[in-house]
Protein backbone atom coordinates (compact mmCIF):
# COMPACT_ATOMS: atom_id res chain seq x y z
CA MET A 1 -0.20 0.14 -0.15
CA ASP A 2 1.27 3.62 -0.88
CA LEU A 3 2.44 5.89 2.02
CA LYS A 4 -0.97 7.92 1.97
CA THR A 5 -3.23 5.19 1.99
CA TYR A 6 -1.13 3.66 5.25
CA LEU A 7 -1.51 6.87 7.24
CA LYS A 8 -4.80 7.27 6.87
CA THR A 9 -6.24 3.61 7.00
CA SER A 10 -3.79 3.14 10.54
CA GLY A 11 -4.93 6.25 11.75
CA VAL A 12 -1.28 7.62 12.10
CA ARG A 13 -0.97 11.57 11.56
CA GLN A 14 1.72 12.82 9.56
CA GLN A 15 3.13 14.78 12.42
CA ASP A 16 3.71 11.18 14.42
CA PHE A 17 4.80 9.48 11.46
CA ALA A 18 6.99 12.31 11.00
CA GLN A 19 8.34 11.72 14.46
CA VAL A 20 8.89 8.00 14.42
CA VAL A 21 10.98 8.42 11.30
CA GLY A 22 13.30 12.13 12.12
CA GLU A 23 11.14 14.24 9.78
CA THR A 24 9.15 17.15 9.37
CA GLN A 25 5.62 16.57 9.03
CA GLY A 26 5.79 18.94 5.89
CA TYR A 27 8.72 16.47 4.30
CA VAL A 28 6.45 13.48 4.72
CA SER A 29 3.02 15.12 3.65
CA ARG A 30 5.06 15.96 0.02
CA VAL A 31 6.36 11.94 0.13
CA ALA A 32 2.54 10.61 0.56
CA SER A 33 1.53 13.10 -2.09
CA GLY A 34 4.04 11.81 -4.61
CA LYS A 35 5.58 15.48 -4.63
CA CYS A 36 9.09 14.56 -3.21
CA LEU A 37 10.73 10.93 -3.78
CA LEU A 38 12.88 9.19 -1.04
CA GLY A 39 16.63 8.27 -0.96
CA ALA A 40 17.03 4.20 -0.95
CA ALA A 41 17.84 4.02 2.66
CA THR A 42 15.42 6.18 3.70
CA ALA A 43 13.12 4.18 2.20
CA LEU A 44 14.08 0.87 3.59
CA LYS A 45 13.93 3.04 7.11
CA TRP A 46 10.10 4.80 6.42
CA ALA A 47 8.91 1.09 4.99
CA ALA A 48 10.20 -0.21 8.62
CA ALA A 49 8.49 2.00 10.54
CA THR A 50 5.24 1.16 9.01
CA GLY A 51 6.02 -2.36 9.85
CA TYR A 52 6.41 -2.87 6.38
CA GLN A 53 2.62 -2.62 5.89
CA VAL A 54 4.36 0.01 3.32
CA THR A 55 6.99 -1.84 1.47
CA PRO A 56 10.30 -0.33 -0.03
CA HIS A 57 8.65 -1.55 -3.38
CA ASP A 58 5.59 0.98 -2.66
CA LEU A 59 8.14 3.72 -1.74
CA LEU A 60 10.65 3.31 -4.17
CA PRO A 61 9.35 1.21 -6.91
CA ASN A 62 12.33 2.32 -9.17
CA ILE A 63 15.06 1.22 -7.11
CA TYR A 64 13.12 -1.90 -5.22
CA ARG A 65 11.94 -3.09 -8.25
CA LYS A 66 10.13 -6.29 -6.99
CA PRO A 67 7.59 -6.35 -4.19
CA THR A 68 9.49 -8.03 -2.06
CA ASP A 69 12.74 -6.41 -2.65
CA GLY A 70 14.14 -4.80 0.28
CA LEU A 71 12.26 -6.61 2.78
CA PRO A 72 13.77 -8.66 6.08
CA GLU A 73 13.49 -12.10 4.77
CA GLN A 74 10.53 -13.15 7.29
CA ASN A 75 8.89 -10.23 5.51
CA ALA A 76 9.83 -11.40 2.02
CA ALA A 77 8.17 -14.95 1.50
């Protein structure tokens, strides 16, 4: 699922997610709306922060081309 959907369906506020990942609410908003892309390492960090409900592939499909790319082994099955 994409980040915007995750935030909406999980009830996590952008501000709260921003604090978890160490970014500003504005940056989270720009990424969620597709106006800004994450770096590869940041996509891994953000995916982990969602418990991999949002995968690295969801966040950065041009780098993590397969849906399981970037997932820890237990989540990649």
